[in-house]
Amino acid sequence: MSPEGRPPVRVAVLGTGAISQIVYLPILAEREDVDLVAVSDVDRHKARTLADRFRVPRVEDDETLFADRELEAIVICTPNHLHEAQAIAALESGKHVLVERPLALTAEGVERLRRAALRADRKVVAGMVHRYRPDVAALASFVTGGELGRIYAERGSWLNRRVPLQRLTWRQRKSQAGGGALMDLGVPALDLCLWLVGYPRLTSVKAALSFGDYEVEDAATVMAESADGLTLTVEVSWTYFAGDDHHFARVMGTEGSGSLPPLQVYKQLGGRPLEVTPRQPIPRGGENAYTNAYRREIDHFLRVVKGEGDSPFPTEQADLMALIAAAYRSAQEGREVEP
């Protein structure tokens, strides 16, 4: 029994790639309120090795897990092109699902997922882990509270250092990933920026892609404008030449500005800008902010599964994937388009 007196939530994880190994399996395996009953992966040997490491009793195929009536929740960490179909199958078999980004490769796919969740009366949580970071939540509160005035410009970057690959992975294959750096890094970078400002309606998109050694792009720049006058620019890359990866977001308003990381907020007070950055909590156990945010995301998902919290379907993910599609169309046609 869990500390609350409820039987542990029975959870399975689909996919045993890096995100499962680094985050989901270790965090779920250590929780007293979770019974991590199974993992699934097309690479059965890898799945069995990880199951042994984290003391997961079963390695199954997807269909067996969907048919398991005692299973309450499924975490989907598979290649992008599988997310929609696996999530719908899990919902139709009565499971709640947490889906790593993106929910689906298209806006239409997100809508199909929404309808499946409604029919099944089950919840879907999108794996947008940045939303669970205290610094992001703090900056969002300044924006939504109007303390920075009208937001007129926003910039984000998600630049990963160039790392030579020994072999291609599914992320470099368009049929499996749906795209390159824009799909891999642009989805979370754009979601972060748009979520900070309440997902405004965008009226125009212009994008440029850069190609290197793969069939998909390894860098992209997206520029968009909203109906209320916000200008958004996001740049992403797999080939950033620097000592460290660079992840950054900045909002500019008529009465103040904010940026992260690190979180810094300035407001117009007494006729001049003053720093009003709130103090941030230190992650417990000495873990980094990245792992701590995933812990918070999993906390939220499990509360939803237990019926202790709500999680409306993330309908804004359809808008996000429409923006991604528009960006690819803009780059292909070499012109500004409407999302």
Protein backbone atom coordinates (compact mmCIF):
# COMPACT_ATOMS: atom_id res chain seq x y z
CA MET A 1 0.00 0.00 0.00
CA SER A 2 1.10 3.56 -0.67
CA PRO A 3 1.54 6.07 2.20
CA GLU A 4 -2.04 7.35 1.53
CA GLY A 5 -3.49 3.88 2.02
CA ARG A 6 -4.28 3.44 -1.67
CA PRO A 7 -2.88 0.50 -3.63
CA PRO A 8 0.09 1.61 -5.74
CA VAL A 9 -0.68 2.84 -9.24
CA ARG A 10 0.12 0.11 -11.74
CA VAL A 11 2.24 1.67 -14.50
CA ALA A 12 4.01 0.43 -17.64
CA VAL A 13 6.56 2.26 -19.80
CA LEU A 14 6.66 1.93 -23.58
CA GLY A 15 10.12 2.59 -25.00
CA THR A 16 13.47 2.18 -23.26
CA GLY A 17 15.50 4.93 -24.89
CA ALA A 18 17.52 7.63 -23.17
CA ILE A 19 14.60 9.51 -21.61
CA SER A 20 13.26 6.30 -20.06
CA GLN A 21 16.68 5.29 -18.75
CA ILE A 22 17.61 8.70 -17.33
CA VAL A 23 14.26 9.85 -16.00
CA TYR A 24 11.11 7.74 -16.08
CA LEU A 25 12.35 4.32 -15.03
CA PRO A 26 14.51 5.47 -12.09
CA ILE A 27 11.90 7.91 -10.76
CA LEU A 28 8.96 5.53 -11.11
CA ALA A 29 10.94 2.60 -9.69
CA GLU A 30 11.74 4.45 -6.46
CA ARG A 31 8.20 5.62 -5.69
CA GLU A 32 6.22 3.79 -3.01
CA ASP A 33 2.93 4.78 -4.64
CA VAL A 34 3.86 3.14 -7.97
CA ASP A 35 3.98 -0.48 -9.02
CA LEU A 36 6.16 -0.38 -12.14
CA VAL A 37 4.93 -3.64 -13.60
CA ALA A 38 6.33 -3.78 -17.14
CA VAL A 39 8.37 -2.24 -19.92
CA SER A 40 8.03 -2.68 -23.66
CA ASP A 41 10.48 -2.12 -26.50
CA VAL A 42 11.16 -3.61 -29.92
CA ASP A 43 14.69 -4.30 -28.65
CA ARG A 44 13.79 -7.07 -26.22
CA HIS A 45 17.35 -7.55 -25.02
CA LYS A 46 17.71 -3.90 -24.03
CA ALA A 47 14.28 -3.97 -22.40
CA ARG A 48 15.20 -7.06 -20.38
CA THR A 49 18.51 -5.51 -19.28
CA LEU A 50 16.77 -2.34 -18.07
CA ALA A 51 13.97 -4.30 -16.45
CA ASP A 52 16.55 -6.21 -14.43
CA ARG A 53 18.37 -3.00 -13.48
CA PHE A 54 15.20 -1.33 -12.17
CA ARG A 55 13.58 -4.51 -10.86
CA VAL A 56 10.67 -4.40 -13.29
CA PRO A 57 9.13 -7.87 -13.31
CA ARG A 58 7.81 -8.05 -16.88
CA VAL A 59 8.94 -7.33 -20.43
CA GLU A 60 5.92 -7.42 -22.74
CA ASP A 61 4.82 -6.35 -26.19
CA ASP A 62 2.49 -3.37 -26.51
CA GLU A 63 -0.63 -5.40 -27.24
CA THR A 64 -0.20 -7.47 -24.07
CA LEU A 65 0.03 -4.29 -22.00
CA PHE A 66 -2.99 -2.71 -23.65
CA ALA A 67 -4.96 -5.88 -22.84
CA ASP A 68 -3.88 -5.89 -19.17
CA ARG A 69 -7.02 -4.82 -17.30
CA GLU A 70 -5.15 -4.22 -14.04
CA LEU A 71 -2.82 -1.69 -15.62
CA GLU A 72 -3.91 1.88 -14.83
CA ALA A 73 -1.41 4.07 -16.64
CA ILE A 74 1.08 3.98 -19.50
CA VAL A 75 4.04 6.29 -20.12
CA ILE A 76 4.90 6.55 -23.83
CA CYS A 77 8.57 7.24 -24.65
CA THR A 78 8.79 5.70 -28.10
CA PRO A 79 9.80 7.31 -31.44
CA ASN A 80 7.54 10.19 -32.49
CA HIS A 81 5.63 8.40 -35.24
CA LEU A 82 4.28 5.86 -32.73
CA HIS A 83 2.90 8.29 -30.13
CA GLU A 84 -0.55 8.88 -31.56
CA ALA A 85 -1.46 5.25 -32.29
CA GLN A 86 -0.04 3.93 -29.01
CA ALA A 87 -1.77 6.63 -26.96
CA ILE A 88 -5.12 5.97 -28.64
CA ALA A 89 -4.75 2.21 -28.10
CA ALA A 90 -3.89 2.79 -24.44
CA LEU A 91 -6.88 5.10 -23.95
CA GLU A 92 -9.26 2.70 -25.67
CA SER A 93 -8.10 -0.05 -23.31
CA GLY A 94 -8.90 2.11 -20.28
CA LYS A 95 -5.48 3.52 -19.37
CA HIS A 96 -4.45 7.07 -18.57
CA VAL A 97 -1.42 8.14 -20.61
CA LEU A 98 1.58 10.42 -20.30
CA VAL A 99 3.01 11.01 -23.77
CA GLU A 100 6.47 12.40 -24.36
CA ARG A 101 6.53 15.23 -26.89
CA PRO A 102 5.05 15.50 -29.40
CA LEU A 103 1.57 14.16 -28.68
CA ALA A 104 1.18 13.47 -32.40
CA LEU A 105 2.95 14.51 -35.58
CA THR A 106 0.06 16.65 -36.83
CA ALA A 107 -2.71 18.88 -35.52
CA GLU A 108 -5.20 16.37 -36.91
CA GLY A 109 -3.47 13.63 -34.90
CA VAL A 110 -3.81 15.64 -31.70
CA GLU A 111 -7.53 16.05 -32.43
CA ARG A 112 -7.93 12.30 -32.95
CA LEU A 113 -6.22 11.76 -29.62
CA ARG A 114 -8.54 14.28 -27.95
CA ARG A 115 -11.62 12.47 -29.25
CA ALA A 116 -10.25 9.11 -28.08
CA ALA A 117 -9.64 10.50 -24.58
CA LEU A 118 -13.18 11.87 -24.47
CA ARG A 119 -14.71 8.57 -25.56
CA ALA A 120 -12.64 6.58 -23.07
CA ASP A 121 -13.07 9.08 -20.22
CA ARG A 122 -9.34 8.89 -19.56
CA LYS A 123 -6.69 11.58 -19.18
CA VAL A 124 -3.78 12.55 -21.40
CA VAL A 125 -0.78 14.45 -20.04
CA ALA A 126 1.65 15.98 -22.54
CA GLY A 127 5.34 15.52 -21.67
CA MET A 128 6.22 19.23 -21.82
CA VAL A 129 8.52 19.07 -18.82
CA HIS A 130 9.58 22.74 -18.92
CA ARG A 131 6.11 23.66 -17.66
CA TYR A 132 6.95 22.02 -14.35
CA ARG A 133 10.09 24.09 -13.73
CA PRO A 134 9.68 26.65 -10.92
CA ASP A 135 11.55 29.33 -12.88
CA VAL A 136 9.23 28.92 -15.87
CA ALA A 137 6.14 29.00 -13.65
CA ALA A 138 7.42 32.14 -11.92
CA LEU A 139 8.05 33.97 -15.20
CA ALA A 140 4.64 32.89 -16.53
CA SER A 141 2.96 34.35 -13.43
CA PHE A 142 4.56 37.75 -14.11
CA VAL A 143 3.27 37.62 -17.70
CA THR A 144 -0.27 36.44 -16.96
CA GLY A 145 -0.56 38.86 -14.03
CA GLY A 146 0.15 41.76 -16.39
CA GLU A 147 3.16 42.88 -14.35
CA LEU A 148 5.37 43.18 -17.44
CA GLY A 149 2.76 45.14 -19.37
CA ARG A 150 1.88 44.19 -22.95
CA ILE A 151 4.29 41.55 -24.23
CA TYR A 152 5.47 42.67 -27.66
CA ALA A 153 8.48 40.42 -28.31
CA GLU A 154 9.70 37.00 -27.28
CA ARG A 155 12.76 34.99 -28.19
CA GLY A 156 13.74 31.42 -27.50
CA SER A 157 16.68 29.21 -28.36
CA TRP A 158 17.39 25.52 -27.92
CA LEU A 159 20.90 24.93 -29.19
CA ASN A 160 22.56 21.58 -28.62
CA ARG A 161 26.28 21.08 -29.13
CA ARG A 162 27.38 19.15 -32.17
CA VAL A 163 28.00 15.53 -31.17
CA PRO A 164 29.34 13.09 -33.81
CA LEU A 165 27.06 10.09 -34.19
CA GLN A 166 28.44 6.58 -34.43
CA ARG A 167 25.24 5.58 -36.24
CA LEU A 168 21.96 7.23 -37.15
CA THR A 169 19.04 6.96 -34.73
CA TRP A 170 15.32 7.32 -35.34
CA ARG A 171 15.68 11.07 -34.72
CA GLN A 172 17.56 11.45 -38.01
CA ARG A 173 14.91 9.57 -40.00
CA LYS A 174 11.99 11.65 -41.20
CA SER A 175 9.63 8.67 -41.38
CA GLN A 176 10.08 8.05 -37.65
CA ALA A 177 10.77 11.51 -36.22
CA GLY A 178 8.56 13.58 -38.51
CA GLY A 179 11.39 16.09 -39.02
CA GLY A 180 14.77 17.08 -37.69
CA ALA A 181 15.88 19.71 -35.20
CA LEU A 182 12.64 21.67 -35.62
CA MET A 183 10.55 18.66 -34.58
CA ASP A 184 13.01 17.51 -31.91
CA LEU A 185 13.97 20.83 -30.29
CA GLY A 186 11.53 23.27 -31.86
CA VAL A 187 8.47 21.56 -30.39
CA PRO A 188 9.53 22.13 -26.74
CA ALA A 189 11.14 25.52 -27.47
CA LEU A 190 8.03 26.86 -29.19
CA ASP A 191 5.75 25.35 -26.55
CA LEU A 192 7.76 27.06 -23.81
CA CYS A 193 7.55 30.45 -25.50
CA LEU A 194 3.88 30.15 -26.41
CA TRP A 195 2.86 28.77 -23.00
CA LEU A 196 4.58 31.67 -21.24
CA VAL A 197 2.32 34.12 -23.07
CA GLY A 198 -0.90 32.09 -23.07
CA TYR A 199 -0.75 30.57 -26.56
CA PRO A 200 -1.88 33.61 -28.60
CA ARG A 201 -3.38 33.22 -32.07
CA LEU A 202 -0.61 33.42 -34.65
CA THR A 203 -1.27 35.09 -37.98
CA SER A 204 1.99 34.59 -39.88
CA VAL A 205 5.00 32.27 -39.86
CA LYS A 206 8.33 32.45 -41.68
CA ALA A 207 10.95 29.72 -41.27
CA ALA A 208 14.35 28.73 -42.60
CA LEU A 209 16.01 25.33 -42.31
CA SER A 210 19.66 24.29 -42.53
CA PHE A 211 20.68 20.82 -43.69
CA GLY A 212 23.92 18.97 -43.02
CA ASP A 213 24.66 15.27 -42.90
CA TYR A 214 21.10 13.94 -42.50
CA GLU A 215 17.91 13.69 -44.52
CA VAL A 216 16.30 16.01 -41.96
CA GLU A 217 17.31 19.53 -40.97
CA ASP A 218 19.92 20.01 -38.24
CA ALA A 219 19.01 23.67 -37.54
CA ALA A 220 15.99 25.93 -37.95
CA THR A 221 14.84 29.49 -37.29
CA VAL A 222 11.15 30.31 -36.90
CA MET A 223 9.66 33.82 -36.87
CA ALA A 224 5.98 34.35 -36.11
CA GLU A 225 3.56 37.19 -35.36
CA SER A 226 0.35 37.07 -33.35
CA ALA A 227 -2.95 38.84 -33.88
CA ASP A 228 -2.26 41.07 -30.87
CA GLY A 229 1.16 42.24 -32.06
CA LEU A 230 3.60 39.80 -30.47
CA THR A 231 6.73 39.00 -32.45
CA LEU A 232 8.24 35.57 -31.70
CA THR A 233 11.61 34.24 -32.83
CA VAL A 234 12.90 30.75 -32.01
CA GLU A 235 16.16 29.18 -33.15
CA VAL A 236 17.13 25.53 -32.69
CA SER A 237 20.16 23.50 -33.66
CA TRP A 238 21.84 20.12 -33.30
CA THR A 239 25.15 21.61 -34.47
CA TYR A 240 25.93 24.38 -31.98
CA PHE A 241 29.68 24.94 -31.66
CA ALA A 242 30.21 25.85 -28.00
CA GLY A 243 31.32 24.42 -24.70
CA ASP A 244 27.77 23.75 -23.51
CA ASP A 245 24.24 23.46 -24.82
CA HIS A 246 22.31 26.73 -24.77
CA HIS A 247 18.63 26.85 -23.80
CA PHE A 248 17.17 30.32 -23.34
CA ALA A 249 13.89 32.28 -23.36
CA ARG A 250 13.22 36.02 -23.03
CA VAL A 251 9.98 38.03 -22.93
CA MET A 252 9.90 41.77 -23.54
CA GLY A 253 7.00 43.88 -22.29
CA THR A 254 6.03 47.54 -22.12
CA GLU A 255 6.51 47.54 -18.33
CA GLY A 256 9.24 44.95 -17.81
CA SER A 257 11.10 41.93 -19.12
CA GLY A 258 12.11 38.46 -18.00
CA SER A 259 14.51 35.75 -19.07
CA LEU A 260 15.66 32.28 -18.11
CA PRO A 261 17.82 30.43 -17.23
CA PRO A 262 18.79 31.82 -14.85
CA LEU A 263 15.51 33.49 -14.00
CA GLN A 264 15.78 37.28 -14.10
CA VAL A 265 12.83 39.66 -13.99
CA TYR A 266 12.91 43.45 -14.27
CA LYS A 267 9.99 45.86 -13.88
CA GLN A 268 9.48 49.57 -14.30
CA LEU A 269 9.25 50.92 -10.76
CA GLY A 270 9.58 54.57 -9.80
CA GLY A 271 10.53 55.52 -13.32
CA ARG A 272 13.42 53.08 -13.67
CA PRO A 273 13.92 49.34 -14.15
CA LEU A 274 14.49 47.36 -10.95
CA GLU A 275 15.18 43.65 -10.53
CA VAL A 276 12.26 41.81 -8.94
CA THR A 277 13.43 38.23 -9.49
CA PRO A 278 11.80 35.91 -6.93
CA ARG A 279 14.00 33.47 -5.03
CA GLN A 280 13.83 29.98 -6.50
CA PRO A 281 13.54 26.74 -4.50
CA ILE A 282 16.56 24.45 -4.43
CA PRO A 283 15.74 20.99 -5.86
CA ARG A 284 15.61 18.36 -3.16
CA GLY A 285 18.33 15.79 -2.82
CA GLY A 286 20.83 17.86 -4.76
CA GLU A 287 19.34 16.81 -8.11
CA ASN A 288 19.43 19.19 -11.04
CA ALA A 289 16.52 21.32 -12.26
CA TYR A 290 16.04 19.02 -15.28
CA THR A 291 15.44 15.88 -13.22
CA ASN A 292 13.42 17.79 -10.64
CA ALA A 293 11.06 19.07 -13.32
CA TYR A 294 10.43 15.51 -14.51
CA ARG A 295 9.74 14.51 -10.91
CA ARG A 296 7.10 17.26 -10.72
CA GLU A 297 5.60 16.17 -14.04
CA ILE A 298 5.32 12.58 -12.81
CA ASP A 299 3.83 13.82 -9.52
CA HIS A 300 1.13 15.62 -11.52
CA PHE A 301 0.41 12.61 -13.71
CA LEU A 302 0.05 10.26 -10.76
CA ARG A 303 -2.30 12.65 -8.95
CA VAL A 304 -4.45 12.68 -12.08
CA VAL A 305 -4.45 8.88 -12.28
CA LYS A 306 -5.45 8.65 -8.60
CA GLY A 307 -8.30 11.10 -9.12
CA GLU A 308 -6.66 13.67 -6.85
CA GLY A 309 -6.22 16.31 -9.55
CA ASP A 310 -7.53 17.26 -12.96
CA SER A 311 -5.74 17.65 -16.25
CA PRO A 312 -7.79 19.05 -19.13
CA PHE A 313 -6.81 17.71 -22.52
CA PRO A 314 -3.92 19.83 -23.87
CA THR A 315 -5.80 21.17 -26.89
CA GLU A 316 -3.12 23.81 -27.47
CA GLN A 317 -0.88 21.01 -28.77
CA ALA A 318 -2.96 21.03 -31.94
CA ASP A 319 -2.07 24.72 -32.40
CA LEU A 320 1.59 23.88 -31.77
CA MET A 321 1.67 21.14 -34.40
CA ALA A 322 -0.15 23.41 -36.86
CA LEU A 323 2.65 25.94 -36.28
CA ILE A 324 5.30 23.27 -36.88
CA ALA A 325 3.57 22.25 -40.13
CA ALA A 326 3.38 25.89 -41.21
CA ALA A 327 7.07 26.37 -40.47
CA TYR A 328 8.01 23.41 -42.66
CA ARG A 329 5.71 24.69 -45.40
CA SER A 330 7.22 28.16 -45.17
CA ALA A 331 10.76 26.80 -45.43
CA GLN A 332 9.85 24.61 -48.41
CA GLU A 333 8.07 27.40 -50.27
CA GLY A 334 10.48 30.15 -49.24
CA ARG A 335 7.77 32.55 -48.11
CA GLU A 336 5.68 33.68 -45.16
CA VAL A 337 2.56 31.58 -44.56
CA GLU A 338 -0.47 31.51 -42.29
CA PRO A 339 -0.46 28.74 -39.66
